């Protein structure tokens, strides 16, 4: 099964704040941001940054990958597996 088969919609946005709002409104399932970005956006939107959980570190950036509570478990497992595979192949460094 390809990762695309698990994703119903893919959204591109220039504004990270818009993506955070979409995550909170259950319109998207995954969001990848650095910790610094999450803290800045949380402050600007007057959110408690503790509502976001670190799901996985990506590449050499210590970041957040947030999943909607209703995200399919298969999607989370597929994404985690893909990151681990890339790490084993030496293509990315996970922290």
Protein backbone atom coordinates (compact mmCIF):
# COMPACT_ATOMS: atom_id res chain seq x y z
CA UNK A 1 0.00 0.00 0.00
CA UNK A 2 1.44 3.37 -0.94
CA UNK A 3 1.46 6.33 1.43
CA UNK A 4 -0.72 8.18 -1.09
CA UNK A 5 -3.39 5.49 -0.79
CA UNK A 6 -3.75 6.36 2.90
CA UNK A 7 -3.97 10.11 2.36
CA UNK A 8 -7.32 11.39 1.15
CA UNK A 9 -6.26 15.00 0.68
CA UNK A 10 -2.97 16.82 0.57
CA UNK A 11 -2.95 20.55 1.29
CA UNK A 12 -0.20 22.98 0.44
CA UNK A 13 -0.08 26.23 2.33
CA UNK A 14 2.33 29.09 2.69
CA UNK A 15 0.94 29.91 6.11
CA UNK A 16 1.82 27.50 8.89
CA UNK A 17 -0.80 29.12 11.11
CA UNK A 18 -3.46 28.06 8.63
CA UNK A 19 -2.22 24.47 8.81
CA UNK A 20 -2.30 24.53 12.63
CA UNK A 21 -5.89 25.78 12.50
CA UNK A 22 -6.78 23.03 10.03
CA UNK A 23 -5.27 20.44 12.36
CA UNK A 24 -7.27 21.76 15.30
CA UNK A 25 -10.45 21.68 13.18
CA UNK A 26 -9.78 18.03 12.23
CA UNK A 27 -9.38 19.01 8.58
CA UNK A 28 -5.89 17.49 8.37
CA UNK A 29 -4.32 14.57 10.17
CA UNK A 30 -0.61 15.30 10.10
CA UNK A 31 1.47 18.43 10.54
CA UNK A 32 5.25 18.59 10.49
CA UNK A 33 6.82 21.63 12.14
CA UNK A 34 9.85 22.42 14.24
CA UNK A 35 9.44 22.92 17.96
CA UNK A 36 10.36 26.58 17.54
CA UNK A 37 7.62 27.04 14.94
CA UNK A 38 5.03 25.35 17.14
CA UNK A 39 5.95 27.59 20.07
CA UNK A 40 5.78 30.75 17.94
CA UNK A 41 2.48 29.84 16.31
CA UNK A 42 0.99 28.77 19.65
CA UNK A 43 1.90 32.12 21.16
CA UNK A 44 0.49 34.05 18.20
CA UNK A 45 -2.76 32.06 18.22
CA UNK A 46 -2.92 32.09 22.03
CA UNK A 47 -2.75 28.29 22.25
CA UNK A 48 -1.11 26.13 24.87
CA UNK A 49 1.75 24.42 22.99
CA UNK A 50 1.27 21.39 25.25
CA UNK A 51 -1.79 20.43 23.16
CA UNK A 52 0.68 19.28 20.50
CA UNK A 53 2.56 16.05 21.02
CA UNK A 54 5.85 15.16 19.41
CA UNK A 55 5.09 12.09 17.39
CA UNK A 56 8.37 11.70 15.55
CA UNK A 57 11.50 13.66 14.83
CA UNK A 58 12.02 14.33 11.14
CA UNK A 59 15.31 14.66 9.34
CA UNK A 60 17.89 16.76 11.19
CA UNK A 61 15.24 19.17 12.44
CA UNK A 62 13.74 18.49 15.79
CA UNK A 63 10.16 18.91 14.87
CA UNK A 64 6.62 17.99 15.48
CA UNK A 65 4.53 15.63 13.50
CA UNK A 66 1.00 15.96 14.72
CA UNK A 67 -1.79 13.54 13.98
CA UNK A 68 -5.48 14.14 14.32
CA UNK A 69 -6.98 11.90 17.00
CA UNK A 70 -9.10 10.30 14.29
CA UNK A 71 -6.14 9.64 11.97
CA UNK A 72 -6.09 6.04 10.76
CA UNK A 73 -3.63 3.96 12.74
CA UNK A 74 -2.41 2.50 9.42
CA UNK A 75 -1.38 5.98 8.26
CA UNK A 76 0.61 6.65 11.43
CA UNK A 77 2.29 3.24 11.22
CA UNK A 78 3.10 3.68 7.51
CA UNK A 79 4.64 7.10 8.08
CA UNK A 80 6.65 5.88 11.08
CA UNK A 81 7.86 2.88 9.12
CA UNK A 82 8.88 5.07 6.17
CA UNK A 83 10.96 7.34 8.44
CA UNK A 84 12.63 4.36 10.06
CA UNK A 85 13.44 2.86 6.66
CA UNK A 86 14.93 6.13 5.42
CA UNK A 87 16.99 6.29 8.58
CA UNK A 88 18.30 2.74 8.16
CA UNK A 89 19.24 3.56 4.57
CA UNK A 90 21.19 6.59 5.83
CA UNK A 91 19.03 9.00 3.84
CA UNK A 92 17.90 10.95 6.92
CA UNK A 93 19.03 11.29 10.52
CA UNK A 94 16.42 10.84 13.21
CA UNK A 95 16.94 12.32 16.67
